[in-house]
Amino acid sequence: TLDAKSLLNVLRKERVDAILGNNLVMDKLIAQYDIASEIKSYVEKDKPLGVYFAKTFINKHPDFLDKFNESVLSCRGIN
């Protein structure tokens, strides 16, 4: 599998005409490489990010989910 950086490099080398990636990650890389004038970027679909944890993991770490949710709220500036 290719990571976002590799996908962008394949595009820049014109080995493909388009790539599909996370817009936040790709926009950061495009800015980092200072190639915004070379790349046309469109948002295909805007969805909230989700995460799933296995019951076995939660059972082994019963405090994890509360701490994780608190951290998410803190990162989003909601608490």
N, C-alpha and C. Protein backbone atom coordinates (compact mmCIF):
# COMPACT_ATOMS: atom_id res chain seq x y z
N THR A 1 0.84 -1.19 0.00
CA THR A 1 0.00 0.00 0.00
C THR A 1 0.87 1.25 0.00
N LEU A 2 0.36 2.28 -0.61
CA LEU A 2 1.09 3.54 -0.67
C LEU A 2 0.58 4.49 0.41
N ASP A 3 1.49 5.22 1.01
CA ASP A 3 1.07 6.25 1.95
C ASP A 3 0.79 7.54 1.17
N ALA A 4 0.30 8.56 1.86
CA ALA A 4 -0.10 9.80 1.20
C ALA A 4 1.06 10.46 0.46
N LYS A 5 2.23 10.45 1.06
CA LYS A 5 3.41 11.05 0.43
C LYS A 5 3.75 10.34 -0.88
N SER A 6 3.69 9.01 -0.83
CA SER A 6 3.98 8.23 -2.03
C SER A 6 2.94 8.47 -3.12
N LEU A 7 1.68 8.56 -2.73
CA LEU A 7 0.62 8.86 -3.70
C LEU A 7 0.87 10.19 -4.39
N LEU A 8 1.22 11.19 -3.59
CA LEU A 8 1.48 12.51 -4.16
C LEU A 8 2.68 12.48 -5.10
N ASN A 9 3.71 11.72 -4.75
CA ASN A 9 4.88 11.62 -5.62
C ASN A 9 4.55 10.93 -6.94
N VAL A 10 3.70 9.90 -6.91
CA VAL A 10 3.26 9.23 -8.12
C VAL A 10 2.51 10.21 -9.03
N LEU A 11 1.68 11.04 -8.41
CA LEU A 11 0.94 12.06 -9.17
C LEU A 11 1.89 13.08 -9.78
N ARG A 12 2.84 13.55 -8.99
CA ARG A 12 3.79 14.56 -9.48
C ARG A 12 4.65 14.02 -10.62
N LYS A 13 4.95 12.72 -10.61
CA LYS A 13 5.74 12.12 -11.68
C LYS A 13 4.88 11.76 -12.89
N GLU A 14 3.59 12.12 -12.81
CA GLU A 14 2.63 11.91 -13.89
C GLU A 14 2.48 10.44 -14.26
N ARG A 15 2.64 9.57 -13.27
CA ARG A 15 2.40 8.14 -13.50
C ARG A 15 0.91 7.83 -13.38
N VAL A 16 0.15 8.75 -12.75
CA VAL A 16 -1.31 8.67 -12.69
C VAL A 16 -1.85 10.07 -12.93
N ASP A 17 -3.12 10.15 -13.31
CA ASP A 17 -3.74 11.45 -13.56
C ASP A 17 -4.43 12.02 -12.34
N ALA A 18 -4.78 11.15 -11.39
CA ALA A 18 -5.50 11.60 -10.19
C ALA A 18 -5.26 10.62 -9.05
N ILE A 19 -5.41 11.12 -7.84
CA ILE A 19 -5.34 10.27 -6.65
C ILE A 19 -6.49 10.65 -5.73
N LEU A 20 -6.85 9.74 -4.87
CA LEU A 20 -7.89 9.98 -3.88
C LEU A 20 -7.27 9.80 -2.50
N GLY A 21 -7.33 10.84 -1.69
CA GLY A 21 -6.73 10.78 -0.36
C GLY A 21 -7.46 11.68 0.61
N ASN A 22 -7.08 11.60 1.85
CA ASN A 22 -7.64 12.46 2.88
C ASN A 22 -7.25 13.90 2.58
N ASN A 23 -8.26 14.78 2.43
CA ASN A 23 -7.96 16.15 2.01
C ASN A 23 -7.09 16.91 3.02
N LEU A 24 -7.25 16.65 4.30
CA LEU A 24 -6.44 17.36 5.30
C LEU A 24 -4.97 16.95 5.19
N VAL A 25 -4.74 15.66 5.01
CA VAL A 25 -3.37 15.16 4.86
C VAL A 25 -2.76 15.66 3.56
N MET A 26 -3.52 15.53 2.47
CA MET A 26 -2.99 15.94 1.17
C MET A 26 -2.74 17.45 1.11
N ASP A 27 -3.65 18.24 1.66
CA ASP A 27 -3.46 19.70 1.67
C ASP A 27 -2.20 20.07 2.45
N LYS A 28 -1.94 19.37 3.55
CA LYS A 28 -0.74 19.64 4.34
C LYS A 28 0.52 19.32 3.53
N LEU A 29 0.50 18.18 2.83
CA LEU A 29 1.66 17.80 2.01
C LEU A 29 1.85 18.77 0.85
N ILE A 30 0.77 19.17 0.22
CA ILE A 30 0.85 20.12 -0.90
C ILE A 30 1.46 21.43 -0.42
N ALA A 31 1.06 21.88 0.76
CA ALA A 31 1.63 23.11 1.32
C ALA A 31 3.10 22.91 1.69
N GLN A 32 3.40 21.76 2.27
CA GLN A 32 4.77 21.45 2.68
C GLN A 32 5.72 21.45 1.48
N TYR A 33 5.27 20.88 0.36
CA TYR A 33 6.09 20.84 -0.86
C TYR A 33 5.97 22.12 -1.67
N ASP A 34 5.07 23.03 -1.26
CA ASP A 34 4.84 24.30 -1.96
C ASP A 34 4.52 24.06 -3.45
N ILE A 35 3.53 23.18 -3.68
CA ILE A 35 3.17 22.82 -5.04
C ILE A 35 1.69 23.08 -5.34
N ALA A 36 1.09 23.99 -4.59
CA ALA A 36 -0.34 24.28 -4.78
C ALA A 36 -0.63 24.73 -6.20
N SER A 37 0.30 25.39 -6.83
CA SER A 37 0.06 25.86 -8.20
C SER A 37 0.09 24.71 -9.22
N GLU A 38 0.65 23.55 -8.82
CA GLU A 38 0.75 22.40 -9.72
C GLU A 38 -0.42 21.42 -9.57
N ILE A 39 -1.15 21.52 -8.48
CA ILE A 39 -2.14 20.50 -8.12
C ILE A 39 -3.53 21.11 -8.05
N LYS A 40 -4.49 20.45 -8.66
CA LYS A 40 -5.90 20.82 -8.47
C LYS A 40 -6.49 19.85 -7.46
N SER A 41 -7.12 20.38 -6.44
CA SER A 41 -7.65 19.54 -5.36
C SER A 41 -9.14 19.79 -5.20
N TYR A 42 -9.89 18.70 -5.10
CA TYR A 42 -11.34 18.76 -4.91
C TYR A 42 -11.72 17.82 -3.78
N VAL A 43 -12.70 18.22 -2.98
CA VAL A 43 -13.22 17.34 -1.94
C VAL A 43 -14.33 16.49 -2.57
N GLU A 44 -14.12 15.19 -2.60
CA GLU A 44 -15.10 14.27 -3.17
C GLU A 44 -16.24 14.01 -2.20
N LYS A 45 -15.88 13.78 -0.94
CA LYS A 45 -16.89 13.49 0.07
C LYS A 45 -16.37 13.96 1.42
N ASP A 46 -17.20 14.65 2.16
CA ASP A 46 -16.82 15.15 3.47
C ASP A 46 -17.58 14.36 4.53
N LYS A 47 -16.84 13.58 5.31
CA LYS A 47 -17.45 12.73 6.33
C LYS A 47 -16.69 12.89 7.64
N PRO A 48 -17.40 12.74 8.76
CA PRO A 48 -16.69 12.74 10.04
C PRO A 48 -15.85 11.46 10.16
N LEU A 49 -14.75 11.59 10.85
CA LEU A 49 -13.87 10.45 11.06
C LEU A 49 -14.42 9.60 12.20
N GLY A 50 -14.37 8.30 12.03
CA GLY A 50 -14.84 7.39 13.07
C GLY A 50 -13.72 6.46 13.49
N VAL A 51 -13.87 5.90 14.66
CA VAL A 51 -12.88 4.95 15.16
C VAL A 51 -13.62 3.83 15.89
N TYR A 52 -13.11 2.62 15.72
CA TYR A 52 -13.71 1.46 16.37
C TYR A 52 -12.67 0.76 17.22
N PHE A 53 -13.08 0.31 18.41
CA PHE A 53 -12.20 -0.45 19.28
C PHE A 53 -12.85 -1.80 19.54
N ALA A 54 -12.05 -2.85 19.51
CA ALA A 54 -12.57 -4.19 19.75
C ALA A 54 -12.99 -4.34 21.21
N LYS A 55 -14.02 -5.14 21.42
CA LYS A 55 -14.49 -5.40 22.79
C LYS A 55 -13.38 -6.01 23.64
N THR A 56 -12.55 -6.85 23.03
CA THR A 56 -11.46 -7.46 23.81
C THR A 56 -10.47 -6.40 24.30
N PHE A 57 -10.20 -5.39 23.46
CA PHE A 57 -9.31 -4.30 23.88
C PHE A 57 -9.93 -3.50 25.01
N ILE A 58 -11.21 -3.16 24.86
CA ILE A 58 -11.91 -2.37 25.89
C ILE A 58 -11.99 -3.16 27.19
N ASN A 59 -12.21 -4.46 27.10
CA ASN A 59 -12.25 -5.29 28.30
C ASN A 59 -10.91 -5.32 29.01
N LYS A 60 -9.82 -5.32 28.24
CA LYS A 60 -8.47 -5.32 28.84
C LYS A 60 -8.10 -3.95 29.40
N HIS A 61 -8.70 -2.89 28.84
CA HIS A 61 -8.37 -1.51 29.23
C HIS A 61 -9.67 -0.75 29.51
N PRO A 62 -10.33 -1.06 30.61
CA PRO A 62 -11.67 -0.50 30.87
C PRO A 62 -11.73 1.02 31.00
N ASP A 63 -10.63 1.67 31.34
CA ASP A 63 -10.63 3.13 31.48
C ASP A 63 -10.29 3.85 30.17
N PHE A 64 -9.88 3.09 29.17
CA PHE A 64 -9.38 3.69 27.95
C PHE A 64 -10.41 4.56 27.24
N LEU A 65 -11.61 4.06 27.07
CA LEU A 65 -12.61 4.77 26.28
C LEU A 65 -12.96 6.14 26.87
N ASP A 66 -13.13 6.21 28.19
CA ASP A 66 -13.40 7.50 28.83
C ASP A 66 -12.24 8.47 28.62
N LYS A 67 -11.00 7.99 28.77
CA LYS A 67 -9.83 8.84 28.57
C LYS A 67 -9.71 9.27 27.10
N PHE A 68 -9.99 8.35 26.20
CA PHE A 68 -9.95 8.66 24.78
C PHE A 68 -10.96 9.75 24.43
N ASN A 69 -12.20 9.58 24.89
CA ASN A 69 -13.25 10.57 24.61
C ASN A 69 -12.91 11.93 25.20
N GLU A 70 -12.34 11.96 26.40
CA GLU A 70 -11.92 13.23 27.00
C GLU A 70 -10.84 13.89 26.15
N SER A 71 -9.91 13.09 25.66
CA SER A 71 -8.83 13.63 24.82
C SER A 71 -9.38 14.20 23.52
N VAL A 72 -10.34 13.50 22.92
CA VAL A 72 -10.94 13.99 21.68
C VAL A 72 -11.62 15.33 21.93
N LEU A 73 -12.39 15.40 23.00
CA LEU A 73 -13.07 16.67 23.32
C LEU A 73 -12.07 17.78 23.57
N SER A 74 -10.97 17.45 24.25
CA SER A 74 -9.94 18.45 24.53
C SER A 74 -9.30 18.93 23.23
N CYS A 75 -9.00 18.00 22.33
CA CYS A 75 -8.40 18.36 21.04
C CYS A 75 -9.33 19.25 20.22
N ARG A 76 -10.60 18.96 20.31
CA ARG A 76 -11.59 19.74 19.56
C ARG A 76 -11.95 21.04 20.28
N GLY A 77 -11.45 21.23 21.52
CA GLY A 77 -11.70 22.45 22.29
C GLY A 77 -13.13 22.51 22.80
N ILE A 78 -13.73 21.36 23.12
CA ILE A 78 -15.13 21.33 23.52
C ILE A 78 -15.32 21.29 25.04
N ASN A 79 -14.31 20.94 25.79
CA ASN A 79 -14.56 20.83 27.24
C ASN A 79 -14.16 22.06 27.99
